[in-house]
Amino acid sequence: MKQTIAVLGVLAILASGAHAVFVEVDEVEPNDSFLFPQRLPEYQFQGLHILGSLQAGDVDFYAFDLNVHIGTLYVEFLDLSGSLGANDGVVDFLDGAGNVLDTGQGPLMPSILLKAFTAPGQFVVAISGGTDTTFDGLHNENFEYSLLIAALPSPGGALPLALCALGSGRRRR
């Protein structure tokens, strides 16, 4: 149920035309290891949209600081090659110490990860070819991808207020 609410929250943001809240970021090499990731801009509730590419033997790591105290982190990984099921990617969501918090894998992308958080911190998203579950570059995949990262407030926080604000625009008869 919580996952459905979170996905609906992101979809509502996208459908509302509020895509300006997503900061566009291009992949910058080198970003091939947990120790040397591409640092993403610091943010709170606006999202990050990263466009990148993966070649055989390549692994991409993105690190970011989340300065929100409670909510759900939404990570969506999508193959942009246009050939459904032809490529197989894997995405891991890790904490700042390298512990895997969630994994998404499979040829039928997008992979969507949802993870509740209760404190600010540093997080890392890692992307590789589908056979490379250890993220050491042992794969032969070649494709461009889109990575969307968004922090959603907890349902007990700003989300109900936002929904109330949307409903308050109705005219009463």
C-alpha atoms as a PDB file:
ATOM      1  CA  MET A   1       0.000   0.000   0.000  1.00  0.00           C
ATOM      2  CA  LYS A   2       2.795   2.446   0.914  1.00  0.00           C
ATOM      3  CA  GLN A   3       4.558   1.663  -2.380  1.00  0.00           C
ATOM      4  CA  THR A   4       1.364   2.386  -4.292  1.00  0.00           C
ATOM      5  CA  ILE A   5       0.970   5.728  -2.509  1.00  0.00           C
ATOM      6  CA  ALA A   6       4.573   6.649  -3.273  1.00  0.00           C
ATOM      7  CA  VAL A   7       4.306   5.721  -6.950  1.00  0.00           C
ATOM      8  CA  LEU A   8       1.019   7.626  -7.205  1.00  0.00           C
ATOM      9  CA  GLY A   9       2.731  10.623  -5.593  1.00  0.00           C
ATOM     10  CA  VAL A  10       5.479  10.686  -8.225  1.00  0.00           C
ATOM     11  CA  LEU A  11       2.959  10.135 -11.003  1.00  0.00           C
ATOM     12  CA  ALA A  12       0.858  13.021  -9.668  1.00  0.00           C
ATOM     13  CA  ILE A  13       3.916  15.289  -9.703  1.00  0.00           C
ATOM     14  CA  LEU A  14       4.714  14.279 -13.279  1.00  0.00           C
ATOM     15  CA  ALA A  15       1.104  14.530 -14.463  1.00  0.00           C
ATOM     16  CA  SER A  16       0.636  17.953 -12.899  1.00  0.00           C
ATOM     17  CA  GLY A  17       3.193  19.428 -15.263  1.00  0.00           C
ATOM     18  CA  ALA A  18       5.486  20.156 -12.341  1.00  0.00           C
ATOM     19  CA  HIS A  19       8.402  18.507 -14.099  1.00  0.00           C
ATOM     20  CA  ALA A  20      10.388  21.682 -13.419  1.00  0.00           C
ATOM     21  CA  VAL A  21      10.961  20.336  -9.906  1.00  0.00           C
ATOM     22  CA  PHE A  22      13.314  17.724 -11.390  1.00  0.00           C
ATOM     23  CA  VAL A  23      16.898  18.855 -11.750  1.00  0.00           C
ATOM     24  CA  GLU A  24      18.382  17.542 -15.024  1.00  0.00           C
ATOM     25  CA  VAL A  25      21.848  15.979 -14.679  1.00  0.00           C
ATOM     26  CA  ASP A  26      24.072  14.393 -17.323  1.00  0.00           C
ATOM     27  CA  GLU A  27      26.334  11.490 -16.493  1.00  0.00           C
ATOM     28  CA  VAL A  28      29.996  12.472 -16.087  1.00  0.00           C
ATOM     29  CA  GLU A  29      32.780   9.893 -16.233  1.00  0.00           C
ATOM     30  CA  PRO A  30      34.644   8.664 -14.305  1.00  0.00           C
ATOM     31  CA  ASN A  31      31.917   7.401 -11.973  1.00  0.00           C
ATOM     32  CA  ASP A  32      32.904   3.738 -11.987  1.00  0.00           C
ATOM     33  CA  SER A  33      33.225   2.886  -8.305  1.00  0.00           C
ATOM     34  CA  PHE A  34      31.576   3.307  -4.929  1.00  0.00           C
ATOM     35  CA  LEU A  35      34.656   5.213  -3.727  1.00  0.00           C
ATOM     36  CA  PHE A  36      34.584   7.647  -6.667  1.00  0.00           C
ATOM     37  CA  PRO A  37      30.925   8.191  -7.635  1.00  0.00           C
ATOM     38  CA  GLN A  38      29.497  11.127  -9.540  1.00  0.00           C
ATOM     39  CA  ARG A  39      28.291  13.580  -6.897  1.00  0.00           C
ATOM     40  CA  LEU A  40      24.743  14.750  -7.546  1.00  0.00           C
ATOM     41  CA  PRO A  41      23.343  18.116  -6.427  1.00  0.00           C
ATOM     42  CA  GLU A  42      22.026  18.300  -2.892  1.00  0.00           C
ATOM     43  CA  TYR A  43      18.247  18.464  -2.731  1.00  0.00           C
ATOM     44  CA  GLN A  44      15.249  18.022  -0.511  1.00  0.00           C
ATOM     45  CA  PHE A  45      11.958  17.286  -2.262  1.00  0.00           C
ATOM     46  CA  GLN A  46      12.704  18.155  -5.871  1.00  0.00           C
ATOM     47  CA  GLY A  47      13.875  15.179  -7.867  1.00  0.00           C
ATOM     48  CA  LEU A  48      16.921  14.428  -9.977  1.00  0.00           C
ATOM     49  CA  HIS A  49      16.703  13.159 -13.541  1.00  0.00           C
ATOM     50  CA  ILE A  50      19.974  11.661 -14.813  1.00  0.00           C
ATOM     51  CA  LEU A  51      20.645  10.678 -18.418  1.00  0.00           C
ATOM     52  CA  GLY A  52      23.502   8.218 -18.801  1.00  0.00           C
ATOM     53  CA  SER A  53      24.885   5.402 -20.880  1.00  0.00           C
ATOM     54  CA  LEU A  54      26.290   2.021 -20.043  1.00  0.00           C
ATOM     55  CA  GLN A  55      28.840   0.175 -22.183  1.00  0.00           C
ATOM     56  CA  ALA A  56      30.291  -3.311 -21.807  1.00  0.00           C
ATOM     57  CA  GLY A  57      32.428  -3.360 -18.666  1.00  0.00           C
ATOM     58  CA  ASP A  58      31.054  -0.029 -17.413  1.00  0.00           C
ATOM     59  CA  VAL A  59      29.471   0.597 -14.008  1.00  0.00           C
ATOM     60  CA  ASP A  60      27.940   3.928 -12.953  1.00  0.00           C
ATOM     61  CA  PHE A  61      27.713   5.165  -9.365  1.00  0.00           C
ATOM     62  CA  TYR A  62      25.841   8.293  -8.239  1.00  0.00           C
ATOM     63  CA  ALA A  63      26.079   9.700  -4.697  1.00  0.00           C
ATOM     64  CA  PHE A  64      23.763  12.272  -3.138  1.00  0.00           C
ATOM     65  CA  ASP A  65      22.925  13.743   0.245  1.00  0.00           C
ATOM     66  CA  LEU A  66      19.325  13.664   1.362  1.00  0.00           C
ATOM     67  CA  ASN A  67      18.508  16.348   3.924  1.00  0.00           C
ATOM     68  CA  VAL A  68      14.962  15.313   4.705  1.00  0.00           C
ATOM     69  CA  HIS A  69      14.057  13.539   7.925  1.00  0.00           C
ATOM     70  CA  ILE A  70      11.262  11.166   6.937  1.00  0.00           C
ATOM     71  CA  GLY A  71       9.654   9.910   3.763  1.00  0.00           C
ATOM     72  CA  THR A  72      10.193   7.512   0.882  1.00  0.00           C
ATOM     73  CA  LEU A  73      12.952   7.559  -1.694  1.00  0.00           C
ATOM     74  CA  TYR A  74      11.774   6.699  -5.209  1.00  0.00           C
ATOM     75  CA  VAL A  75      14.362   5.435  -7.720  1.00  0.00           C
ATOM     76  CA  GLU A  76      13.351   4.581 -11.283  1.00  0.00           C
ATOM     77  CA  PHE A  77      15.799   3.068 -13.802  1.00  0.00           C
ATOM     78  CA  LEU A  78      14.712   2.876 -17.443  1.00  0.00           C
ATOM     79  CA  ASP A  79      16.436   1.549 -20.603  1.00  0.00           C
ATOM     80  CA  LEU A  80      16.139   4.202 -23.325  1.00  0.00           C
ATOM     81  CA  SER A  81      17.303   2.035 -26.237  1.00  0.00           C
ATOM     82  CA  GLY A  82      13.739   1.446 -27.404  1.00  0.00           C
ATOM     83  CA  SER A  83      14.139  -2.333 -27.622  1.00  0.00           C
ATOM     84  CA  LEU A  84      11.954  -3.705 -24.838  1.00  0.00           C
ATOM     85  CA  GLY A  85      13.619  -6.642 -23.141  1.00  0.00           C
ATOM     86  CA  ALA A  86      16.760  -6.528 -25.308  1.00  0.00           C
ATOM     87  CA  ASN A  87      18.919  -5.093 -22.520  1.00  0.00           C
ATOM     88  CA  ASP A  88      19.235  -6.242 -18.959  1.00  0.00           C
ATOM     89  CA  GLY A  89      20.249  -3.769 -16.288  1.00  0.00           C
ATOM     90  CA  VAL A  90      20.617  -3.882 -12.552  1.00  0.00           C
ATOM     91  CA  VAL A  91      20.278  -0.979 -10.116  1.00  0.00           C
ATOM     92  CA  ASP A  92      21.272  -1.018  -6.453  1.00  0.00           C
ATOM     93  CA  PHE A  93      20.337   1.559  -3.833  1.00  0.00           C
ATOM     94  CA  LEU A  94      22.970   1.776  -1.079  1.00  0.00           C
ATOM     95  CA  ASP A  95      23.532   3.766   2.068  1.00  0.00           C
ATOM     96  CA  GLY A  96      26.687   5.833   2.563  1.00  0.00           C
ATOM     97  CA  ALA A  97      28.495   2.863   4.107  1.00  0.00           C
ATOM     98  CA  GLY A  98      27.871   0.651   1.064  1.00  0.00           C
ATOM     99  CA  ASN A  99      25.086  -1.489   2.516  1.00  0.00           C
ATOM    100  CA  VAL A 100      22.553  -2.536  -0.137  1.00  0.00           C
ATOM    101  CA  LEU A 101      19.119  -1.190   0.794  1.00  0.00           C
ATOM    102  CA  ASP A 102      17.254  -2.368  -2.311  1.00  0.00           C
ATOM    103  CA  THR A 103      17.898  -3.922  -5.749  1.00  0.00           C
ATOM    104  CA  GLY A 104      16.046  -3.841  -9.046  1.00  0.00           C
ATOM    105  CA  GLN A 105      16.923  -6.107 -11.943  1.00  0.00           C
ATOM    106  CA  GLY A 106      15.484  -7.453 -15.131  1.00  0.00           C
ATOM    107  CA  PRO A 107      15.039  -6.928 -18.831  1.00  0.00           C
ATOM    108  CA  LEU A 108      11.525  -5.555 -18.447  1.00  0.00           C
ATOM    109  CA  MET A 109      12.428  -2.133 -17.193  1.00  0.00           C
ATOM    110  CA  PRO A 110      11.663   0.238 -15.601  1.00  0.00           C
ATOM    111  CA  SER A 111      12.996  -0.992 -12.311  1.00  0.00           C
ATOM    112  CA  ILE A 112      11.357   0.952  -9.496  1.00  0.00           C
ATOM    113  CA  LEU A 113      12.803   0.993  -5.996  1.00  0.00           C
ATOM    114  CA  LEU A 114      11.008   2.477  -2.997  1.00  0.00           C
ATOM    115  CA  LYS A 115      12.752   2.815   0.327  1.00  0.00           C
ATOM    116  CA  ALA A 116      11.475   4.459   3.480  1.00  0.00           C
ATOM    117  CA  PHE A 117      13.983   6.645   5.318  1.00  0.00           C
ATOM    118  CA  THR A 118      13.813   8.183   8.754  1.00  0.00           C
ATOM    119  CA  ALA A 119      16.935  10.343   8.856  1.00  0.00           C
ATOM    120  CA  PRO A 120      19.072  12.470   6.541  1.00  0.00           C
ATOM    121  CA  GLY A 121      22.127  10.822   5.064  1.00  0.00           C
ATOM    122  CA  GLN A 122      24.291  10.032   2.087  1.00  0.00           C
ATOM    123  CA  PHE A 123      23.011   7.513  -0.438  1.00  0.00           C
ATOM    124  CA  VAL A 124      24.405   5.898  -3.583  1.00  0.00           C
ATOM    125  CA  VAL A 125      22.683   4.483  -6.661  1.00  0.00           C
ATOM    126  CA  ALA A 126      24.724   1.986  -8.720  1.00  0.00           C
ATOM    127  CA  ILE A 127      23.915   0.834 -12.274  1.00  0.00           C
ATOM    128  CA  SER A 128      25.417  -2.031 -14.254  1.00  0.00           C
ATOM    129  CA  GLY A 129      24.575  -4.761 -16.763  1.00  0.00           C
ATOM    130  CA  GLY A 130      22.125  -7.391 -15.537  1.00  0.00           C
ATOM    131  CA  THR A 131      24.686 -10.176 -15.085  1.00  0.00           C
ATOM    132  CA  ASP A 132      26.927  -7.924 -12.974  1.00  0.00           C
ATOM    133  CA  THR A 133      25.303  -8.201  -9.541  1.00  0.00           C
ATOM    134  CA  THR A 134      28.637  -7.444  -7.821  1.00  0.00           C
ATOM    135  CA  PHE A 135      29.053  -4.150  -9.748  1.00  0.00           C
ATOM    136  CA  ASP A 136      32.579  -4.888 -10.942  1.00  0.00           C
ATOM    137  CA  GLY A 137      31.854  -4.377 -14.675  1.00  0.00           C
ATOM    138  CA  LEU A 138      31.562  -8.010 -15.779  1.00  0.00           C
ATOM    139  CA  HIS A 139      28.823  -7.610 -18.391  1.00  0.00           C
ATOM    140  CA  ASN A 140      28.353  -6.975 -22.126  1.00  0.00           C
ATOM    141  CA  GLU A 141      25.355  -4.603 -22.045  1.00  0.00           C
ATOM    142  CA  ASN A 142      25.304  -1.385 -24.115  1.00  0.00           C
ATOM    143  CA  PHE A 143      22.417   1.071 -23.678  1.00  0.00           C
ATOM    144  CA  GLU A 144      21.397   4.569 -22.700  1.00  0.00           C
ATOM    145  CA  TYR A 145      19.305   5.006 -19.578  1.00  0.00           C
ATOM    146  CA  SER A 146      17.214   7.410 -17.593  1.00  0.00           C
ATOM    147  CA  LEU A 147      17.503   7.476 -13.807  1.00  0.00           C
ATOM    148  CA  LEU A 148      14.914   9.335 -11.751  1.00  0.00           C
ATOM    149  CA  ILE A 149      15.489   9.931  -8.038  1.00  0.00           C
ATOM    150  CA  ALA A 150      12.840  11.668  -5.927  1.00  0.00           C
ATOM    151  CA  ALA A 151      12.275  12.044  -2.195  1.00  0.00           C
ATOM    152  CA  LEU A 152       8.609  11.848  -1.303  1.00  0.00           C
ATOM    153  CA  PRO A 153       7.412  13.197   2.037  1.00  0.00           C
ATOM    154  CA  SER A 154       5.831  10.747   4.424  1.00  0.00           C
ATOM    155  CA  PRO A 155       2.040  10.419   4.172  1.00  0.00           C
ATOM    156  CA  GLY A 156       1.887  11.960   7.645  1.00  0.00           C
ATOM    157  CA  GLY A 157       3.837  14.994   6.417  1.00  0.00           C
ATOM    158  CA  ALA A 158       3.440  17.334   3.481  1.00  0.00           C
ATOM    159  CA  LEU A 159       1.640  14.969   1.083  1.00  0.00           C
ATOM    160  CA  PRO A 160      -1.796  15.240   2.755  1.00  0.00           C
ATOM    161  CA  LEU A 161      -1.357  19.019   2.871  1.00  0.00           C
ATOM    162  CA  ALA A 162      -0.592  19.064  -0.850  1.00  0.00           C
ATOM    163  CA  LEU A 163      -3.663  16.937  -1.570  1.00  0.00           C
ATOM    164  CA  CYS A 164      -5.788  19.257   0.564  1.00  0.00           C
ATOM    165  CA  ALA A 165      -4.419  22.246  -1.339  1.00  0.00           C
ATOM    166  CA  LEU A 166      -5.410  20.615  -4.614  1.00  0.00           C
ATOM    167  CA  GLY A 167      -8.904  19.956  -3.287  1.00  0.00           C
ATOM    168  CA  SER A 168      -9.302  23.438  -1.831  1.00  0.00           C
ATOM    169  CA  GLY A 169      -9.475  24.923  -5.319  1.00  0.00           C
ATOM    170  CA  ARG A 170     -12.945  23.421  -5.844  1.00  0.00           C
ATOM    171  CA  ARG A 171     -15.902  25.727  -5.919  1.00  0.00           C
ATOM    172  CA  ARG A 172     -18.667  25.011  -3.465  1.00  0.00           C
ATOM    173  CA  ARG A 173     -22.264  25.389  -4.537  1.00  0.00           C
END
